């Protein structure tokens, strides 16, 4: 038997596959005959017939605005752009009403709550060195995760102002904090604190070497001592001496008598020149010295 060439077999298989794929869609192709029956497409007329007499019995007659105007509300006025008119009613004065309550508690514009008072340390507190302390106010420091308020004194906040004899005020709170910082100079202080830093502020005693921090502030007039404490006498002495917040603001400029005056030649004196150094004495012996 004679064998069919391979390319002919390939063509036959391709034709079979094409027929199998096209045959199901043969009925959907456009053609004049579907299933042996003729299909006739008749266009439908969607036009609305015209009225012969020009009237429509079903139409609702529009009201005549001139003969029978619509009743208007006594408080209504015309607001269309083409015929905007003001109301003929007399204008009453505006009245302020109470504001609407906020929808939630977040909307209340209330001042922030004051911080909680410092908590005194308990019997478990032990002396501990706190390195690189930072004075946040005259009487409070932050170091090593602790926020400490010195016990026995009233803290002078930085925003506090003090009055002088002539009625003026000066920022004594900032001056007290600056003086406290300059004295500490981030040196380590020893405070009675618990083992771990608490979340709030603690009230305790601290020392810089052998000097108590609260006692130093009171003695120099940068804090007020509580009544009935041993530091009350020191505060009284500082108040009598007009030290710190009890005195006048620190001088920012030199006194008038300390400033140099100009002579008639309008020569400005040199304030920054240093005195000339004396000439160095020259040794009589030659250099290099003679060998012995």
C-alpha atoms as a PDB file:
ATOM      1  CA  UNK A   1       0.000   0.000   0.000  1.00  0.00           C
ATOM      2  CA  UNK A   2       1.242   3.381  -0.916  1.00  0.00           C
ATOM      3  CA  UNK A   3       1.930   5.712   2.044  1.00  0.00           C
ATOM      4  CA  UNK A   4       0.516   9.284   2.168  1.00  0.00           C
ATOM      5  CA  UNK A   5       3.184  11.968   2.303  1.00  0.00           C
ATOM      6  CA  UNK A   6       3.577  13.750   5.610  1.00  0.00           C
ATOM      7  CA  UNK A   7       2.780  17.246   4.286  1.00  0.00           C
ATOM      8  CA  UNK A   8      -0.532  16.067   2.780  1.00  0.00           C
ATOM      9  CA  UNK A   9      -1.485  14.520   6.101  1.00  0.00           C
ATOM     10  CA  UNK A  10      -0.665  17.755   7.860  1.00  0.00           C
ATOM     11  CA  UNK A  11      -2.895  19.746   5.483  1.00  0.00           C
ATOM     12  CA  UNK A  12      -5.824  17.370   5.998  1.00  0.00           C
ATOM     13  CA  UNK A  13      -5.550  17.569   9.773  1.00  0.00           C
ATOM     14  CA  UNK A  14      -5.463  21.396   9.592  1.00  0.00           C
ATOM     15  CA  UNK A  15      -8.613  21.472   7.401  1.00  0.00           C
ATOM     16  CA  UNK A  16     -10.420  19.193   9.848  1.00  0.00           C
ATOM     17  CA  UNK A  17      -9.552  21.371  12.786  1.00  0.00           C
ATOM     18  CA  UNK A  18     -10.646  24.509  10.919  1.00  0.00           C
ATOM     19  CA  UNK A  19     -13.994  22.914  10.087  1.00  0.00           C
ATOM     20  CA  UNK A  20     -14.552  21.841  13.663  1.00  0.00           C
ATOM     21  CA  UNK A  21     -13.838  25.382  14.853  1.00  0.00           C
ATOM     22  CA  UNK A  22     -15.945  27.227  12.227  1.00  0.00           C
ATOM     23  CA  UNK A  23     -18.947  24.871  12.075  1.00  0.00           C
ATOM     24  CA  UNK A  24     -20.610  25.981  15.378  1.00  0.00           C
ATOM     25  CA  UNK A  25     -20.550  29.632  14.270  1.00  0.00           C
ATOM     26  CA  UNK A  26     -21.965  29.062  10.833  1.00  0.00           C
ATOM     27  CA  UNK A  27     -25.525  29.740  12.032  1.00  0.00           C
ATOM     28  CA  UNK A  28     -24.553  33.184  13.448  1.00  0.00           C
ATOM     29  CA  UNK A  29     -23.073  34.444  10.180  1.00  0.00           C
ATOM     30  CA  UNK A  30     -25.244  36.920   8.220  1.00  0.00           C
ATOM     31  CA  UNK A  31     -27.144  35.327   5.411  1.00  0.00           C
ATOM     32  CA  UNK A  32     -30.477  35.494   3.687  1.00  0.00           C
ATOM     33  CA  UNK A  33     -31.528  31.993   4.741  1.00  0.00           C
ATOM     34  CA  UNK A  34     -31.496  30.569   8.282  1.00  0.00           C
ATOM     35  CA  UNK A  35     -32.628  26.984   8.675  1.00  0.00           C
ATOM     36  CA  UNK A  36     -34.187  26.928   5.216  1.00  0.00           C
ATOM     37  CA  UNK A  37     -36.558  29.853   5.952  1.00  0.00           C
ATOM     38  CA  UNK A  38     -36.451  33.369   4.656  1.00  0.00           C
ATOM     39  CA  UNK A  39     -36.202  36.133   7.242  1.00  0.00           C
ATOM     40  CA  UNK A  40     -37.679  39.500   6.356  1.00  0.00           C
ATOM     41  CA  UNK A  41     -36.779  42.544   8.475  1.00  0.00           C
ATOM     42  CA  UNK A  42     -39.515  45.201   8.499  1.00  0.00           C
ATOM     43  CA  UNK A  43     -38.580  48.645   9.915  1.00  0.00           C
ATOM     44  CA  UNK A  44     -41.030  49.935  12.539  1.00  0.00           C
ATOM     45  CA  UNK A  45     -42.311  53.479  12.349  1.00  0.00           C
ATOM     46  CA  UNK A  46     -41.733  55.285  15.662  1.00  0.00           C
ATOM     47  CA  UNK A  47     -42.914  58.704  14.509  1.00  0.00           C
ATOM     48  CA  UNK A  48     -45.665  60.342  16.549  1.00  0.00           C
ATOM     49  CA  UNK A  49     -48.621  61.319  14.384  1.00  0.00           C
ATOM     50  CA  UNK A  50     -49.289  65.030  14.078  1.00  0.00           C
ATOM     51  CA  UNK A  51     -52.401  66.588  15.577  1.00  0.00           C
ATOM     52  CA  UNK A  52     -54.816  67.462  12.856  1.00  0.00           C
ATOM     53  CA  UNK A  53     -56.700  70.116  14.778  1.00  0.00           C
ATOM     54  CA  UNK A  54     -53.653  71.519  16.648  1.00  0.00           C
ATOM     55  CA  UNK A  55     -55.085  70.785  20.110  1.00  0.00           C
ATOM     56  CA  UNK A  56     -54.308  68.102  22.609  1.00  0.00           C
ATOM     57  CA  UNK A  57     -57.141  67.049  24.842  1.00  0.00           C
ATOM     58  CA  UNK A  58     -54.823  65.285  27.318  1.00  0.00           C
ATOM     59  CA  UNK A  59     -52.579  68.307  27.872  1.00  0.00           C
ATOM     60  CA  UNK A  60     -53.059  70.173  31.123  1.00  0.00           C
ATOM     61  CA  UNK A  61     -53.645  73.885  30.533  1.00  0.00           C
ATOM     62  CA  UNK A  62     -50.925  76.108  32.006  1.00  0.00           C
ATOM     63  CA  UNK A  63     -52.120  78.649  34.518  1.00  0.00           C
ATOM     64  CA  UNK A  64     -52.214  82.237  33.448  1.00  0.00           C
ATOM     65  CA  UNK A  65     -49.676  84.110  35.554  1.00  0.00           C
ATOM     66  CA  UNK A  66     -51.159  87.524  34.754  1.00  0.00           C
ATOM     67  CA  UNK A  67     -54.764  86.745  35.546  1.00  0.00           C
ATOM     68  CA  UNK A  68     -54.279  84.212  38.368  1.00  0.00           C
ATOM     69  CA  UNK A  69     -50.855  84.580  40.040  1.00  0.00           C
ATOM     70  CA  UNK A  70     -49.761  81.893  42.474  1.00  0.00           C
ATOM     71  CA  UNK A  71     -50.056  82.869  46.120  1.00  0.00           C
ATOM     72  CA  UNK A  72     -46.628  83.645  47.586  1.00  0.00           C
ATOM     73  CA  UNK A  73     -45.509  83.028  51.119  1.00  0.00           C
ATOM     74  CA  UNK A  74     -45.295  86.178  53.242  1.00  0.00           C
ATOM     75  CA  UNK A  75     -41.664  85.344  54.058  1.00  0.00           C
ATOM     76  CA  UNK A  76     -40.607  84.368  50.523  1.00  0.00           C
ATOM     77  CA  UNK A  77     -38.827  86.551  48.040  1.00  0.00           C
ATOM     78  CA  UNK A  78     -37.792  86.129  44.453  1.00  0.00           C
ATOM     79  CA  UNK A  79     -34.228  84.942  44.110  1.00  0.00           C
ATOM     80  CA  UNK A  80     -33.876  84.237  40.403  1.00  0.00           C
ATOM     81  CA  UNK A  81     -31.041  86.233  38.774  1.00  0.00           C
ATOM     82  CA  UNK A  82     -33.303  87.976  36.227  1.00  0.00           C
ATOM     83  CA  UNK A  83     -35.743  89.390  38.741  1.00  0.00           C
ATOM     84  CA  UNK A  84     -33.987  89.598  42.083  1.00  0.00           C
ATOM     85  CA  UNK A  85     -35.834  91.899  44.465  1.00  0.00           C
ATOM     86  CA  UNK A  86     -35.598  92.533  48.185  1.00  0.00           C
ATOM     87  CA  UNK A  87     -38.353  91.584  50.515  1.00  0.00           C
ATOM     88  CA  UNK A  88     -40.797  94.370  51.347  1.00  0.00           C
ATOM     89  CA  UNK A  89     -40.999  93.306  54.968  1.00  0.00           C
ATOM     90  CA  UNK A  90     -39.200  95.568  57.464  1.00  0.00           C
ATOM     91  CA  UNK A  91     -35.720  94.278  58.277  1.00  0.00           C
ATOM     92  CA  UNK A  92     -35.444  93.269  61.938  1.00  0.00           C
ATOM     93  CA  UNK A  93     -32.125  93.636  63.786  1.00  0.00           C
ATOM     94  CA  UNK A  94     -29.937  90.540  63.882  1.00  0.00           C
ATOM     95  CA  UNK A  95     -29.976  88.542  67.078  1.00  0.00           C
ATOM     96  CA  UNK A  96     -27.047  86.466  68.298  1.00  0.00           C
ATOM     97  CA  UNK A  97     -28.036  82.988  69.411  1.00  0.00           C
ATOM     98  CA  UNK A  98     -26.194  80.502  71.538  1.00  0.00           C
ATOM     99  CA  UNK A  99     -23.528  78.461  69.713  1.00  0.00           C
ATOM    100  CA  UNK A 100     -24.262  74.894  68.791  1.00  0.00           C
ATOM    101  CA  UNK A 101     -22.940  72.272  71.140  1.00  0.00           C
ATOM    102  CA  UNK A 102     -19.934  70.369  69.737  1.00  0.00           C
ATOM    103  CA  UNK A 103     -20.548  66.966  68.285  1.00  0.00           C
ATOM    104  CA  UNK A 104     -17.928  65.375  70.533  1.00  0.00           C
ATOM    105  CA  UNK A 105     -15.749  66.212  73.491  1.00  0.00           C
ATOM    106  CA  UNK A 106     -12.809  66.826  71.148  1.00  0.00           C
ATOM    107  CA  UNK A 107     -14.450  70.025  69.925  1.00  0.00           C
ATOM    108  CA  UNK A 108     -14.370  71.726  73.336  1.00  0.00           C
ATOM    109  CA  UNK A 109     -11.831  74.566  73.256  1.00  0.00           C
ATOM    110  CA  UNK A 110     -10.778  74.241  76.861  1.00  0.00           C
ATOM    111  CA  UNK A 111      -7.346  75.076  78.275  1.00  0.00           C
ATOM    112  CA  UNK A 112      -4.996  72.139  78.841  1.00  0.00           C
ATOM    113  CA  UNK A 113      -5.117  70.515  82.227  1.00  0.00           C
ATOM    114  CA  UNK A 114      -2.306  71.450  84.612  1.00  0.00           C
ATOM    115  CA  UNK A 115       0.430  68.843  85.018  1.00  0.00           C
ATOM    116  CA  UNK A 116       0.099  66.538  88.012  1.00  0.00           C
ATOM    117  CA  UNK A 117       2.087  67.504  91.106  1.00  0.00           C
ATOM    118  CA  UNK A 118       5.438  65.797  91.743  1.00  0.00           C
ATOM    119  CA  UNK A 119       5.242  62.509  93.614  1.00  0.00           C
ATOM    120  CA  UNK A 120       7.509  62.191  96.675  1.00  0.00           C
ATOM    121  CA  UNK A 121       9.909  59.277  96.603  1.00  0.00           C
ATOM    122  CA  UNK A 122       9.313  56.326  98.914  1.00  0.00           C
ATOM    123  CA  UNK A 123      11.636  54.481 101.249  1.00  0.00           C
ATOM    124  CA  UNK A 124      13.086  52.410  98.403  1.00  0.00           C
ATOM    125  CA  UNK A 125      14.911  55.423  96.950  1.00  0.00           C
ATOM    126  CA  UNK A 126      18.684  55.284  97.101  1.00  0.00           C
ATOM    127  CA  UNK A 127      21.384  57.870  96.281  1.00  0.00           C
ATOM    128  CA  UNK A 128      22.291  57.633  92.622  1.00  0.00           C
ATOM    129  CA  UNK A 129      24.516  59.690  90.337  1.00  0.00           C
ATOM    130  CA  UNK A 130      22.619  61.331  87.456  1.00  0.00           C
ATOM    131  CA  UNK A 131      24.928  62.385  84.642  1.00  0.00           C
ATOM    132  CA  UNK A 132      24.606  65.449  82.409  1.00  0.00           C
ATOM    133  CA  UNK A 133      21.604  67.054  84.145  1.00  0.00           C
ATOM    134  CA  UNK A 134      19.645  69.726  82.292  1.00  0.00           C
ATOM    135  CA  UNK A 135      17.808  72.401  84.273  1.00  0.00           C
ATOM    136  CA  UNK A 136      14.326  72.872  82.827  1.00  0.00           C
ATOM    137  CA  UNK A 137      13.524  75.517  85.463  1.00  0.00           C
ATOM    138  CA  UNK A 138      15.016  76.940  88.637  1.00  0.00           C
ATOM    139  CA  UNK A 139      14.265  73.909  90.814  1.00  0.00           C
ATOM    140  CA  UNK A 140      13.681  71.077  88.317  1.00  0.00           C
ATOM    141  CA  UNK A 141      16.155  68.967  86.350  1.00  0.00           C
ATOM    142  CA  UNK A 142      16.087  66.098  83.875  1.00  0.00           C
ATOM    143  CA  UNK A 143      18.874  63.540  83.776  1.00  0.00           C
ATOM    144  CA  UNK A 144      19.279  59.838  82.947  1.00  0.00           C
ATOM    145  CA  UNK A 145      15.564  59.464  82.256  1.00  0.00           C
ATOM    146  CA  UNK A 146      14.495  61.016  85.590  1.00  0.00           C
ATOM    147  CA  UNK A 147      12.434  64.176  85.941  1.00  0.00           C
ATOM    148  CA  UNK A 148      13.237  65.617  89.359  1.00  0.00           C
ATOM    149  CA  UNK A 149      11.622  68.470  91.244  1.00  0.00           C
ATOM    150  CA  UNK A 150      13.710  69.634  94.193  1.00  0.00           C
ATOM    151  CA  UNK A 151      11.963  69.104  97.496  1.00  0.00           C
ATOM    152  CA  UNK A 152      11.346  71.979  99.917  1.00  0.00           C
ATOM    153  CA  UNK A 153      11.175  74.898  97.433  1.00  0.00           C
ATOM    154  CA  UNK A 154       8.744  76.500  95.001  1.00  0.00           C
ATOM    155  CA  UNK A 155       9.930  76.147  91.421  1.00  0.00           C
ATOM    156  CA  UNK A 156      10.301  79.400  89.477  1.00  0.00           C
ATOM    157  CA  UNK A 157       8.864  78.715  85.999  1.00  0.00           C
ATOM    158  CA  UNK A 158      10.742  80.240  83.037  1.00  0.00           C
ATOM    159  CA  UNK A 159       7.740  82.350  81.995  1.00  0.00           C
ATOM    160  CA  UNK A 160       7.458  84.112  85.362  1.00  0.00           C
ATOM    161  CA  UNK A 161       8.146  87.840  85.505  1.00  0.00           C
ATOM    162  CA  UNK A 162       9.087  89.995  88.508  1.00  0.00           C
ATOM    163  CA  UNK A 163       8.257  93.642  89.148  1.00  0.00           C
ATOM    164  CA  UNK A 164      10.787  96.277  90.129  1.00  0.00           C
ATOM    165  CA  UNK A 165      10.360  99.518  92.060  1.00  0.00           C
ATOM    166  CA  UNK A 166       9.493 101.667  89.029  1.00  0.00           C
ATOM    167  CA  UNK A 167       6.631  99.345  88.051  1.00  0.00           C
ATOM    168  CA  UNK A 168       8.413  97.615  85.155  1.00  0.00           C
ATOM    169  CA  UNK A 169       8.786  93.845  84.927  1.00  0.00           C
ATOM    170  CA  UNK A 170      11.659  91.644  83.892  1.00  0.00           C
ATOM    171  CA  UNK A 171      11.867  87.901  83.036  1.00  0.00           C
ATOM    172  CA  UNK A 172      13.159  86.686  86.371  1.00  0.00           C
ATOM    173  CA  UNK A 173      12.114  83.089  85.606  1.00  0.00           C
ATOM    174  CA  UNK A 174      14.433  82.855  82.609  1.00  0.00           C
ATOM    175  CA  UNK A 175      17.226  84.543  84.556  1.00  0.00           C
ATOM    176  CA  UNK A 176      16.804  82.032  87.408  1.00  0.00           C
ATOM    177  CA  UNK A 177      16.956  79.083  85.011  1.00  0.00           C
ATOM    178  CA  UNK A 178      20.036  80.503  83.287  1.00  0.00           C
ATOM    179  CA  UNK A 179      21.800  81.014  86.621  1.00  0.00           C
ATOM    180  CA  UNK A 180      20.952  77.461  87.660  1.00  0.00           C
ATOM    181  CA  UNK A 181      22.266  76.051  84.379  1.00  0.00           C
ATOM    182  CA  UNK A 182      25.485  78.048  84.566  1.00  0.00           C
ATOM    183  CA  UNK A 183      26.115  76.763  88.067  1.00  0.00           C
ATOM    184  CA  UNK A 184      25.390  73.112  87.213  1.00  0.00           C
ATOM    185  CA  UNK A 185      27.374  73.083  83.940  1.00  0.00           C
ATOM    186  CA  UNK A 186      26.008  69.542  83.285  1.00  0.00           C
ATOM    187  CA  UNK A 187      28.027  68.141  86.189  1.00  0.00           C
ATOM    188  CA  UNK A 188      26.733  64.891  87.687  1.00  0.00           C
ATOM    189  CA  UNK A 189      24.392  65.287  90.644  1.00  0.00           C
ATOM    190  CA  UNK A 190      23.492  62.785  93.349  1.00  0.00           C
ATOM    191  CA  UNK A 191      19.756  62.327  93.971  1.00  0.00           C
ATOM    192  CA  UNK A 192      17.631  59.937  96.017  1.00  0.00           C
ATOM    193  CA  UNK A 193      15.687  58.183  93.274  1.00  0.00           C
ATOM    194  CA  UNK A 194      14.180  54.738  92.684  1.00  0.00           C
ATOM    195  CA  UNK A 195      15.997  52.107  90.664  1.00  0.00           C
ATOM    196  CA  UNK A 196      14.009  52.741  87.475  1.00  0.00           C
ATOM    197  CA  UNK A 197      12.835  56.139  86.175  1.00  0.00           C
ATOM    198  CA  UNK A 198       9.075  56.545  86.757  1.00  0.00           C
ATOM    199  CA  UNK A 199       6.713  58.068  84.218  1.00  0.00           C
ATOM    200  CA  UNK A 200       5.890  61.176  86.269  1.00  0.00           C
ATOM    201  CA  UNK A 201       7.900  63.815  88.080  1.00  0.00           C
ATOM    202  CA  UNK A 202       9.390  62.879  91.446  1.00  0.00           C
ATOM    203  CA  UNK A 203      10.139  65.200  94.370  1.00  0.00           C
ATOM    204  CA  UNK A 204      13.430  64.483  96.110  1.00  0.00           C
ATOM    205  CA  UNK A 205      16.729  65.957  97.343  1.00  0.00           C
ATOM    206  CA  UNK A 206      19.809  66.331  95.144  1.00  0.00           C
ATOM    207  CA  UNK A 207      23.397  67.368  95.798  1.00  0.00           C
ATOM    208  CA  UNK A 208      26.266  68.610  93.715  1.00  0.00           C
ATOM    209  CA  UNK A 209      29.218  67.302  95.662  1.00  0.00           C
ATOM    210  CA  UNK A 210      28.375  68.388  99.210  1.00  0.00           C
ATOM    211  CA  UNK A 211      26.119  71.327  98.250  1.00  0.00           C
ATOM    212  CA  UNK A 212      22.357  70.850  98.288  1.00  0.00           C
ATOM    213  CA  UNK A 213      20.774  72.138  95.070  1.00  0.00           C
ATOM    214  CA  UNK A 214      17.659  73.524  96.720  1.00  0.00           C
ATOM    215  CA  UNK A 215      19.700  75.294  99.413  1.00  0.00           C
ATOM    216  CA  UNK A 216      21.925  76.910  96.770  1.00  0.00           C
ATOM    217  CA  UNK A 217      18.906  78.264  94.871  1.00  0.00           C
ATOM    218  CA  UNK A 218      17.347  79.713  98.011  1.00  0.00           C
ATOM    219  CA  UNK A 219      20.564  81.272  99.293  1.00  0.00           C
ATOM    220  CA  UNK A 220      21.169  83.029  95.970  1.00  0.00           C
ATOM    221  CA  UNK A 221      17.585  84.236  95.665  1.00  0.00           C
ATOM    222  CA  UNK A 222      16.601  82.029  92.695  1.00  0.00           C
ATOM    223  CA  UNK A 223      13.852  80.093  94.528  1.00  0.00           C
ATOM    224  CA  UNK A 224      11.389  80.461  97.393  1.00  0.00           C
ATOM    225  CA  UNK A 225      11.535  78.074 100.350  1.00  0.00           C
ATOM    226  CA  UNK A 226       8.484  76.526 101.960  1.00  0.00           C
ATOM    227  CA  UNK A 227       7.332  78.018 105.226  1.00  0.00           C
ATOM    228  CA  UNK A 228       8.567  76.222 108.307  1.00  0.00           C
ATOM    229  CA  UNK A 229      11.597  74.659 106.612  1.00  0.00           C
ATOM    230  CA  UNK A 230      15.238  75.260 107.582  1.00  0.00           C
ATOM    231  CA  UNK A 231      15.728  77.138 104.281  1.00  0.00           C
ATOM    232  CA  UNK A 232      13.131  79.798 105.201  1.00  0.00           C
ATOM    233  CA  UNK A 233      15.780  81.831 107.063  1.00  0.00           C
ATOM    234  CA  UNK A 234      18.073  81.687 104.045  1.00  0.00           C
ATOM    235  CA  UNK A 235      15.301  83.021 101.820  1.00  0.00           C
ATOM    236  CA  UNK A 236      14.703  85.897 104.213  1.00  0.00           C
ATOM    237  CA  UNK A 237      18.387  86.840 104.088  1.00  0.00           C
ATOM    238  CA  UNK A 238      18.382  86.703 100.266  1.00  0.00           C
ATOM    239  CA  UNK A 239      15.262  88.882 100.162  1.00  0.00           C
ATOM    240  CA  UNK A 240      16.859  91.467 102.470  1.00  0.00           C
ATOM    241  CA  UNK A 241      20.004  91.479 100.317  1.00  0.00           C
ATOM    242  CA  UNK A 242      17.874  91.785  97.139  1.00  0.00           C
ATOM    243  CA  UNK A 243      19.451  88.766  95.500  1.00  0.00           C
ATOM    244  CA  UNK A 244      18.081  86.931  92.485  1.00  0.00           C
ATOM    245  CA  UNK A 245      14.379  87.382  91.899  1.00  0.00           C
ATOM    246  CA  UNK A 246      14.093  89.759  94.868  1.00  0.00           C
ATOM    247  CA  UNK A 247      16.393  92.361  93.329  1.00  0.00           C
ATOM    248  CA  UNK A 248      16.738  94.331  90.142  1.00  0.00           C
ATOM    249  CA  UNK A 249      17.326  92.744  86.739  1.00  0.00           C
ATOM    250  CA  UNK A 250      20.945  91.994  85.891  1.00  0.00           C
ATOM    251  CA  UNK A 251      22.782  94.760  84.068  1.00  0.00           C
ATOM    252  CA  UNK A 252      23.018  94.206  80.328  1.00  0.00           C
ATOM    253  CA  UNK A 253      25.171  97.279  79.516  1.00  0.00           C
ATOM    254  CA  UNK A 254      28.076  98.916  81.367  1.00  0.00           C
ATOM    255  CA  UNK A 255      27.443 101.976  83.521  1.00  0.00           C
ATOM    256  CA  UNK A 256      27.685 105.406  81.960  1.00  0.00           C
ATOM    257  CA  UNK A 257      30.831 106.316  83.927  1.00  0.00           C
ATOM    258  CA  UNK A 258      32.642 103.187  82.687  1.00  0.00           C
ATOM    259  CA  UNK A 259      32.363 104.095  79.013  1.00  0.00           C
ATOM    260  CA  UNK A 260      35.333 105.955  77.483  1.00  0.00           C
ATOM    261  CA  UNK A 261      34.675 109.540  76.394  1.00  0.00           C
ATOM    262  CA  UNK A 262      35.759 111.090  73.105  1.00  0.00           C
ATOM    263  CA  UNK A 263      38.201 113.994  73.051  1.00  0.00           C
ATOM    264  CA  UNK A 264      37.928 117.109  70.925  1.00  0.00           C
ATOM    265  CA  UNK A 265      39.867 115.532  68.061  1.00  0.00           C
ATOM    266  CA  UNK A 266      37.102 112.948  67.563  1.00  0.00           C
ATOM    267  CA  UNK A 267      39.608 110.147  67.850  1.00  0.00           C
ATOM    268  CA  UNK A 268      37.939 106.907  68.907  1.00  0.00           C
ATOM    269  CA  UNK A 269      40.032 105.100  71.519  1.00  0.00           C
ATOM    270  CA  UNK A 270      41.023 101.553  70.743  1.00  0.00           C
ATOM    271  CA  UNK A 271      39.144  99.420  73.252  1.00  0.00           C
ATOM    272  CA  UNK A 272      40.527  96.102  72.056  1.00  0.00           C
ATOM    273  CA  UNK A 273      44.241  96.837  71.788  1.00  0.00           C
ATOM    274  CA  UNK A 274      46.488  95.045  74.230  1.00  0.00           C
ATOM    275  CA  UNK A 275      49.504  96.706  75.863  1.00  0.00           C
ATOM    276  CA  UNK A 276      52.717  96.100  74.017  1.00  0.00           C
ATOM    277  CA  UNK A 277      54.854  93.361  75.520  1.00  0.00           C
ATOM    278  CA  UNK A 278      58.254  94.422  76.793  1.00  0.00           C
ATOM    279  CA  UNK A 279      61.132  93.451  74.515  1.00  0.00           C
ATOM    280  CA  UNK A 280      62.807  90.207  75.387  1.00  0.00           C
ATOM    281  CA  UNK A 281      66.257  90.557  76.909  1.00  0.00           C
ATOM    282  CA  UNK A 282      69.039  89.370  74.663  1.00  0.00           C
ATOM    283  CA  UNK A 283      71.703  87.288  76.434  1.00  0.00           C
ATOM    284  CA  UNK A 284      75.232  88.514  76.240  1.00  0.00           C
ATOM    285  CA  UNK A 285      76.624  85.096  75.480  1.00  0.00           C
ATOM    286  CA  UNK A 286      76.825  84.026  71.904  1.00  0.00           C
ATOM    287  CA  UNK A 287      74.738  81.275  70.370  1.00  0.00           C
ATOM    288  CA  UNK A 288      75.462  78.444  70.334  1.00  0.00           C
ATOM    289  CA  UNK A 289      77.407  78.468  73.595  1.00  0.00           C
ATOM    290  CA  UNK A 290      81.045  77.499  73.542  1.00  0.00           C
ATOM    291  CA  UNK A 291      81.797  73.944  74.581  1.00  0.00           C
ATOM    292  CA  UNK A 292      83.166  73.617  78.082  1.00  0.00           C
END
